[in-house]
Amino acid sequence: MSVQDDLAAVKRRLQDLEHTVEELERRVGAERGAPSTPATGRAESLVTIPDTPYDSGLWVDTDDEGLGARDRHAP
């Protein structure tokens, strides 16, 4: 087999795999009672996170993970 034949075979198998995964997702969704979603609907479920900084008020009275409270010292 040539490299082109190998690449064509890999491409066909990847397409088969994609089709099989999509079918499995539809079946699992149907068993759970969820509506089936088309493969093109995946981009709609993405959440855009803005580049703007978070409001510092969100972090008032919080502990630093692993460091404890701000007004106390480690033993």
PDB file of N, CA and C in Angstrom:
ATOM      1  N   MET A   1       0.835  -1.185   0.000  1.00  0.00           N
ATOM      2  CA  MET A   1       0.000   0.000   0.000  1.00  0.00           C
ATOM      3  C   MET A   1       0.884   1.254   0.000  1.00  0.00           C
ATOM      4  N   SER A   2       0.398   2.264  -0.670  1.00  0.00           N
ATOM      5  CA  SER A   2       1.117   3.524  -0.696  1.00  0.00           C
ATOM      6  C   SER A   2       0.703   4.382   0.496  1.00  0.00           C
ATOM      7  N   VAL A   3       1.420   5.461   0.677  1.00  0.00           N
ATOM      8  CA  VAL A   3       1.106   6.383   1.771  1.00  0.00           C
ATOM      9  C   VAL A   3      -0.280   6.986   1.561  1.00  0.00           C
ATOM     10  N   GLN A   4      -0.625   7.303   0.314  1.00  0.00           N
ATOM     11  CA  GLN A   4      -1.939   7.871   0.020  1.00  0.00           C
ATOM     12  C   GLN A   4      -3.048   6.880   0.373  1.00  0.00           C
ATOM     13  N   ASP A   5      -2.824   5.593   0.075  1.00  0.00           N
ATOM     14  CA  ASP A   5      -3.815   4.577   0.415  1.00  0.00           C
ATOM     15  C   ASP A   5      -3.970   4.460   1.934  1.00  0.00           C
ATOM     16  N   ASP A   6      -2.851   4.518   2.642  1.00  0.00           N
ATOM     17  CA  ASP A   6      -2.894   4.446   4.100  1.00  0.00           C
ATOM     18  C   ASP A   6      -3.657   5.638   4.677  1.00  0.00           C
ATOM     19  N   LEU A   7      -3.373   6.822   4.168  1.00  0.00           N
ATOM     20  CA  LEU A   7      -4.055   8.019   4.650  1.00  0.00           C
ATOM     21  C   LEU A   7      -5.553   7.966   4.356  1.00  0.00           C
ATOM     22  N   ALA A   8      -5.917   7.476   3.175  1.00  0.00           N
ATOM     23  CA  ALA A   8      -7.335   7.356   2.830  1.00  0.00           C
ATOM     24  C   ALA A   8      -8.027   6.359   3.758  1.00  0.00           C
ATOM     25  N   ALA A   9      -7.359   5.268   4.089  1.00  0.00           N
ATOM     26  CA  ALA A   9      -7.932   4.270   4.991  1.00  0.00           C
ATOM     27  C   ALA A   9      -8.107   4.846   6.393  1.00  0.00           C
ATOM     28  N   VAL A  10      -7.134   5.612   6.858  1.00  0.00           N
ATOM     29  CA  VAL A  10      -7.231   6.239   8.176  1.00  0.00           C
ATOM     30  C   VAL A  10      -8.380   7.233   8.200  1.00  0.00           C
ATOM     31  N   LYS A  11      -8.512   8.013   7.131  1.00  0.00           N
ATOM     32  CA  LYS A  11      -9.592   8.997   7.061  1.00  0.00           C
ATOM     33  C   LYS A  11     -10.953   8.314   7.106  1.00  0.00           C
ATOM     34  N   ARG A  12     -11.117   7.207   6.383  1.00  0.00           N
ATOM     35  CA  ARG A  12     -12.382   6.468   6.396  1.00  0.00           C
ATOM     36  C   ARG A  12     -12.680   5.931   7.788  1.00  0.00           C
ATOM     37  N   ARG A  13     -11.661   5.411   8.448  1.00  0.00           N
ATOM     38  CA  ARG A  13     -11.871   4.859   9.790  1.00  0.00           C
ATOM     39  C   ARG A  13     -12.209   5.953  10.800  1.00  0.00           C
ATOM     40  N   LEU A  14     -11.600   7.122  10.660  1.00  0.00           N
ATOM     41  CA  LEU A  14     -11.940   8.241  11.544  1.00  0.00           C
ATOM     42  C   LEU A  14     -13.382   8.686  11.330  1.00  0.00           C
ATOM     43  N   GLN A  15     -13.808   8.716  10.079  1.00  0.00           N
ATOM     44  CA  GLN A  15     -15.191   9.088   9.790  1.00  0.00           C
ATOM     45  C   GLN A  15     -16.149   8.048  10.362  1.00  0.00           C
ATOM     46  N   ASP A  16     -15.788   6.766  10.244  1.00  0.00           N
ATOM     47  CA  ASP A  16     -16.609   5.707  10.840  1.00  0.00           C
ATOM     48  C   ASP A  16     -16.680   5.872  12.354  1.00  0.00           C
ATOM     49  N   LEU A  17     -15.548   6.194  12.970  1.00  0.00           N
ATOM     50  CA  LEU A  17     -15.510   6.390  14.415  1.00  0.00           C
ATOM     51  C   LEU A  17     -16.389   7.573  14.827  1.00  0.00           C
ATOM     52  N   GLU A  18     -16.304   8.684  14.099  1.00  0.00           N
ATOM     53  CA  GLU A  18     -17.137   9.845  14.396  1.00  0.00           C
ATOM     54  C   GLU A  18     -18.619   9.489  14.300  1.00  0.00           C
ATOM     55  N   HIS A  19     -18.962   8.759  13.262  1.00  0.00           N
ATOM     56  CA  HIS A  19     -20.359   8.361  13.076  1.00  0.00           C
ATOM     57  C   HIS A  19     -20.814   7.459  14.228  1.00  0.00           C
ATOM     58  N   THR A  20     -19.972   6.527  14.631  1.00  0.00           N
ATOM     59  CA  THR A  20     -20.311   5.616  15.717  1.00  0.00           C
ATOM     60  C   THR A  20     -20.478   6.359  17.036  1.00  0.00           C
ATOM     61  N   VAL A  21     -19.596   7.317  17.316  1.00  0.00           N
ATOM     62  CA  VAL A  21     -19.693   8.101  18.554  1.00  0.00           C
ATOM     63  C   VAL A  21     -20.965   8.940  18.539  1.00  0.00           C
ATOM     64  N   GLU A  22     -21.293   9.565  17.431  1.00  0.00           N
ATOM     65  CA  GLU A  22     -22.520  10.363  17.336  1.00  0.00           C
ATOM     66  C   GLU A  22     -23.747   9.489  17.571  1.00  0.00           C
ATOM     67  N   GLU A  23     -23.747   8.292  16.998  1.00  0.00           N
ATOM     68  CA  GLU A  23     -24.867   7.375  17.196  1.00  0.00           C
ATOM     69  C   GLU A  23     -24.965   6.948  18.658  1.00  0.00           C
ATOM     70  N   LEU A  24     -23.841   6.682  19.280  1.00  0.00           N
ATOM     71  CA  LEU A  24     -23.828   6.315  20.701  1.00  0.00           C
ATOM     72  C   LEU A  24     -24.348   7.458  21.562  1.00  0.00           C
ATOM     73  N   GLU A  25     -23.936   8.694  21.259  1.00  0.00           N
ATOM     74  CA  GLU A  25     -24.430   9.850  22.006  1.00  0.00           C
ATOM     75  C   GLU A  25     -25.939   9.983  21.864  1.00  0.00           C
ATOM     76  N   ARG A  26     -26.468   9.749  20.674  1.00  0.00           N
ATOM     77  CA  ARG A  26     -27.917   9.821  20.465  1.00  0.00           C
ATOM     78  C   ARG A  26     -28.633   8.751  21.283  1.00  0.00           C
ATOM     79  N   ARG A  27     -28.083   7.536  21.287  1.00  0.00           N
ATOM     80  CA  ARG A  27     -28.719   6.443  22.030  1.00  0.00           C
ATOM     81  C   ARG A  27     -28.696   6.709  23.531  1.00  0.00           C
ATOM     82  N   VAL A  28     -27.584   7.155  24.044  1.00  0.00           N
ATOM     83  CA  VAL A  28     -27.477   7.436  25.475  1.00  0.00           C
ATOM     84  C   VAL A  28     -28.423   8.569  25.845  1.00  0.00           C
ATOM     85  N   GLY A  29     -28.477   9.601  25.020  1.00  0.00           N
ATOM     86  CA  GLY A  29     -29.389  10.716  25.275  1.00  0.00           C
ATOM     87  C   GLY A  29     -30.836  10.265  25.262  1.00  0.00           C
ATOM     88  N   ALA A  30     -31.186   9.369  24.348  1.00  0.00           N
ATOM     89  CA  ALA A  30     -32.561   8.879  24.266  1.00  0.00           C
ATOM     90  C   ALA A  30     -32.899   8.029  25.486  1.00  0.00           C
ATOM     91  N   GLU A  31     -31.947   7.244  25.956  1.00  0.00           N
ATOM     92  CA  GLU A  31     -32.192   6.413  27.135  1.00  0.00           C
ATOM     93  C   GLU A  31     -32.371   7.263  28.388  1.00  0.00           C
ATOM     94  N   ARG A  32     -31.690   8.384  28.448  1.00  0.00           N
ATOM     95  CA  ARG A  32     -31.801   9.273  29.602  1.00  0.00           C
ATOM     96  C   ARG A  32     -32.974  10.234  29.471  1.00  0.00           C
ATOM     97  N   GLY A  33     -33.647  10.205  28.347  1.00  0.00           N
ATOM     98  CA  GLY A  33     -34.788  11.079  28.148  1.00  0.00           C
ATOM     99  C   GLY A  33     -34.412  12.463  27.651  1.00  0.00           C
ATOM    100  N   ALA A  34     -33.161  12.650  27.302  1.00  0.00           N
ATOM    101  CA  ALA A  34     -32.710  13.946  26.803  1.00  0.00           C
ATOM    102  C   ALA A  34     -32.954  14.018  25.302  1.00  0.00           C
ATOM    103  N   PRO A  35     -33.256  15.188  24.800  1.00  0.00           N
ATOM    104  CA  PRO A  35     -33.421  15.318  23.355  1.00  0.00           C
ATOM    105  C   PRO A  35     -32.082  15.119  22.661  1.00  0.00           C
ATOM    106  N   SER A  36     -32.122  14.485  21.512  1.00  0.00           N
ATOM    107  CA  SER A  36     -30.873  14.283  20.776  1.00  0.00           C
ATOM    108  C   SER A  36     -30.432  15.598  20.167  1.00  0.00           C
ATOM    109  N   THR A  37     -29.138  15.836  20.188  1.00  0.00           N
ATOM    110  CA  THR A  37     -28.602  17.078  19.642  1.00  0.00           C
ATOM    111  C   THR A  37     -27.817  16.767  18.393  1.00  0.00           C
ATOM    112  N   PRO A  38     -27.986  17.561  17.362  1.00  0.00           N
ATOM    113  CA  PRO A  38     -27.202  17.335  16.153  1.00  0.00           C
ATOM    114  C   PRO A  38     -25.737  17.659  16.398  1.00  0.00           C
ATOM    115  N   ALA A  39     -24.870  17.067  15.601  1.00  0.00           N
ATOM    116  CA  ALA A  39     -23.429  17.271  15.770  1.00  0.00           C
ATOM    117  C   ALA A  39     -23.052  18.734  15.607  1.00  0.00           C
ATOM    118  N   THR A  40     -23.828  19.469  14.827  1.00  0.00           N
ATOM    119  CA  THR A  40     -23.511  20.883  14.620  1.00  0.00           C
ATOM    120  C   THR A  40     -23.922  21.740  15.795  1.00  0.00           C
ATOM    121  N   GLY A  41     -24.714  21.222  16.737  1.00  0.00           N
ATOM    122  CA  GLY A  41     -25.184  21.982  17.878  1.00  0.00           C
ATOM    123  C   GLY A  41     -24.170  22.081  19.000  1.00  0.00           C
ATOM    124  N   ARG A  42     -23.056  21.415  18.880  1.00  0.00           N
ATOM    125  CA  ARG A  42     -22.067  21.420  19.947  1.00  0.00           C
ATOM    126  C   ARG A  42     -21.490  22.809  20.191  1.00  0.00           C
ATOM    127  N   ALA A  43     -21.267  23.582  19.161  1.00  0.00           N
ATOM    128  CA  ALA A  43     -20.671  24.906  19.319  1.00  0.00           C
ATOM    129  C   ALA A  43     -21.602  25.835  20.091  1.00  0.00           C
ATOM    130  N   GLU A  44     -22.900  25.578  20.036  1.00  0.00           N
ATOM    131  CA  GLU A  44     -23.858  26.413  20.742  1.00  0.00           C
ATOM    132  C   GLU A  44     -23.746  26.253  22.250  1.00  0.00           C
ATOM    133  N   SER A  45     -23.195  25.138  22.724  1.00  0.00           N
ATOM    134  CA  SER A  45     -23.111  24.910  24.159  1.00  0.00           C
ATOM    135  C   SER A  45     -21.823  25.476  24.759  1.00  0.00           C
ATOM    136  N   LEU A  46     -20.989  26.095  23.947  1.00  0.00           N
ATOM    137  CA  LEU A  46     -19.761  26.685  24.444  1.00  0.00           C
ATOM    138  C   LEU A  46     -20.058  27.971  25.202  1.00  0.00           C
ATOM    139  N   VAL A  47     -19.311  28.215  26.250  1.00  0.00           N
ATOM    140  CA  VAL A  47     -19.481  29.419  27.055  1.00  0.00           C
ATOM    141  C   VAL A  47     -18.282  30.314  26.822  1.00  0.00           C
ATOM    142  N   THR A  48     -18.522  31.553  26.476  1.00  0.00           N
ATOM    143  CA  THR A  48     -17.446  32.511  26.257  1.00  0.00           C
ATOM    144  C   THR A  48     -17.083  33.164  27.586  1.00  0.00           C
ATOM    145  N   ILE A  49     -15.813  33.145  27.918  1.00  0.00           N
ATOM    146  CA  ILE A  49     -15.339  33.766  29.149  1.00  0.00           C
ATOM    147  C   ILE A  49     -14.672  35.074  28.772  1.00  0.00           C
ATOM    148  N   PRO A  50     -15.152  36.190  29.315  1.00  0.00           N
ATOM    149  CA  PRO A  50     -14.590  37.485  28.929  1.00  0.00           C
ATOM    150  C   PRO A  50     -13.164  37.663  29.456  1.00  0.00           C
ATOM    151  N   ASP A  51     -12.407  38.521  28.784  1.00  0.00           N
ATOM    152  CA  ASP A  51     -11.036  38.819  29.191  1.00  0.00           C
ATOM    153  C   ASP A  51     -10.967  39.859  30.295  1.00  0.00           C
ATOM    154  N   THR A  52     -12.077  40.487  30.594  1.00  0.00           N
ATOM    155  CA  THR A  52     -12.081  41.528  31.623  1.00  0.00           C
ATOM    156  C   THR A  52     -11.872  40.893  32.998  1.00  0.00           C
ATOM    157  N   PRO A  53     -11.208  41.610  33.907  1.00  0.00           N
ATOM    158  CA  PRO A  53     -10.968  41.041  35.234  1.00  0.00           C
ATOM    159  C   PRO A  53     -12.271  40.895  36.022  1.00  0.00           C
ATOM    160  N   TYR A  54     -12.276  39.924  36.930  1.00  0.00           N
ATOM    161  CA  TYR A  54     -13.442  39.725  37.790  1.00  0.00           C
ATOM    162  C   TYR A  54     -13.534  40.845  38.808  1.00  0.00           C
ATOM    163  N   ASP A  55     -14.736  41.084  39.290  1.00  0.00           N
ATOM    164  CA  ASP A  55     -14.971  42.059  40.339  1.00  0.00           C
ATOM    165  C   ASP A  55     -14.300  41.563  41.616  1.00  0.00           C
ATOM    166  N   SER A  56     -13.430  42.377  42.209  1.00  0.00           N
ATOM    167  CA  SER A  56     -12.706  41.958  43.411  1.00  0.00           C
ATOM    168  C   SER A  56     -13.650  41.742  44.584  1.00  0.00           C
ATOM    169  N   GLY A  57     -14.848  42.285  44.532  1.00  0.00           N
ATOM    170  CA  GLY A  57     -15.828  42.070  45.577  1.00  0.00           C
ATOM    171  C   GLY A  57     -16.278  40.625  45.689  1.00  0.00           C
ATOM    172  N   LEU A  58     -16.070  39.854  44.636  1.00  0.00           N
ATOM    173  CA  LEU A  58     -16.428  38.442  44.683  1.00  0.00           C
ATOM    174  C   LEU A  58     -15.562  37.673  45.676  1.00  0.00           C
ATOM    175  N   TRP A  59     -14.375  38.181  45.958  1.00  0.00           N
ATOM    176  CA  TRP A  59     -13.410  37.439  46.769  1.00  0.00           C
ATOM    177  C   TRP A  59     -13.321  37.941  48.206  1.00  0.00           C
ATOM    178  N   VAL A  60     -14.188  38.856  48.617  1.00  0.00           N
ATOM    179  CA  VAL A  60     -14.184  39.369  49.981  1.00  0.00           C
ATOM    180  C   VAL A  60     -14.584  38.245  50.938  1.00  0.00           C
ATOM    181  N   ASP A  61     -13.893  38.157  52.068  1.00  0.00           N
ATOM    182  CA  ASP A  61     -14.174  37.150  53.100  1.00  0.00           C
ATOM    183  C   ASP A  61     -13.991  35.721  52.619  1.00  0.00           C
ATOM    184  N   THR A  62     -13.059  35.496  51.718  1.00  0.00           N
ATOM    185  CA  THR A  62     -12.774  34.139  51.265  1.00  0.00           C
ATOM    186  C   THR A  62     -11.408  33.710  51.784  1.00  0.00           C
ATOM    187  N   ASP A  63     -11.230  32.429  51.882  1.00  0.00           N
ATOM    188  CA  ASP A  63      -9.941  31.874  52.294  1.00  0.00           C
ATOM    189  C   ASP A  63      -9.099  31.623  51.052  1.00  0.00           C
ATOM    190  N   ASP A  64      -7.789  31.800  51.190  1.00  0.00           N
ATOM    191  CA  ASP A  64      -6.881  31.427  50.113  1.00  0.00           C
ATOM    192  C   ASP A  64      -6.709  29.920  50.184  1.00  0.00           C
ATOM    193  N   GLU A  65      -6.963  29.250  49.081  1.00  0.00           N
ATOM    194  CA  GLU A  65      -6.885  27.795  49.081  1.00  0.00           C
ATOM    195  C   GLU A  65      -5.533  27.310  49.557  1.00  0.00           C
ATOM    196  N   GLY A  66      -5.549  26.474  50.561  1.00  0.00           N
ATOM    197  CA  GLY A  66      -4.323  25.889  51.066  1.00  0.00           C
ATOM    198  C   GLY A  66      -3.568  26.776  52.033  1.00  0.00           C
ATOM    199  N   LEU A  67      -3.966  28.044  52.154  1.00  0.00           N
ATOM    200  CA  LEU A  67      -3.252  28.965  53.035  1.00  0.00           C
ATOM    201  C   LEU A  67      -4.058  29.334  54.268  1.00  0.00           C
ATOM    202  N   GLY A  68      -5.323  29.048  54.289  1.00  0.00           N
ATOM    203  CA  GLY A  68      -6.154  29.378  55.436  1.00  0.00           C
ATOM    204  C   GLY A  68      -6.710  30.790  55.332  1.00  0.00           C
ATOM    205  N   ALA A  69      -7.302  31.210  56.432  1.00  0.00           N
ATOM    206  CA  ALA A  69      -7.930  32.534  56.470  1.00  0.00           C
ATOM    207  C   ALA A  69      -6.858  33.628  56.504  1.00  0.00           C
ATOM    208  N   ARG A  70      -7.206  34.789  56.012  1.00  0.00           N
ATOM    209  CA  ARG A  70      -6.249  35.895  55.900  1.00  0.00           C
ATOM    210  C   ARG A  70      -5.837  36.460  57.249  1.00  0.00           C
ATOM    211  N   ASP A  71      -6.728  36.414  58.241  1.00  0.00           N
ATOM    212  CA  ASP A  71      -6.412  37.027  59.532  1.00  0.00           C
ATOM    213  C   ASP A  71      -5.816  36.046  60.541  1.00  0.00           C
ATOM    214  N   ARG A  72      -5.527  34.836  60.112  1.00  0.00           N
ATOM    215  CA  ARG A  72      -4.943  33.836  61.019  1.00  0.00           C
ATOM    216  C   ARG A  72      -3.604  33.361  60.469  1.00  0.00           C
ATOM    217  N   HIS A  73      -2.770  32.856  61.356  1.00  0.00           N
ATOM    218  CA  HIS A  73      -1.457  32.338  60.961  1.00  0.00           C
ATOM    219  C   HIS A  73      -1.435  30.824  61.078  1.00  0.00           C
ATOM    220  N   ALA A  74      -0.589  30.193  60.318  1.00  0.00           N
ATOM    221  CA  ALA A  74      -0.453  28.739  60.391  1.00  0.00           C
ATOM    222  C   ALA A  74       0.146  28.363  61.729  1.00  0.00           C
ATOM    223  N   PRO A  75      -0.210  27.195  62.267  1.00  0.00           N
ATOM    224  CA  PRO A  75       0.329  26.785  63.582  1.00  0.00           C
ATOM    225  C   PRO A  75       1.830  26.562  63.549  1.00  0.00           C
TER     226      PRO A  75
END
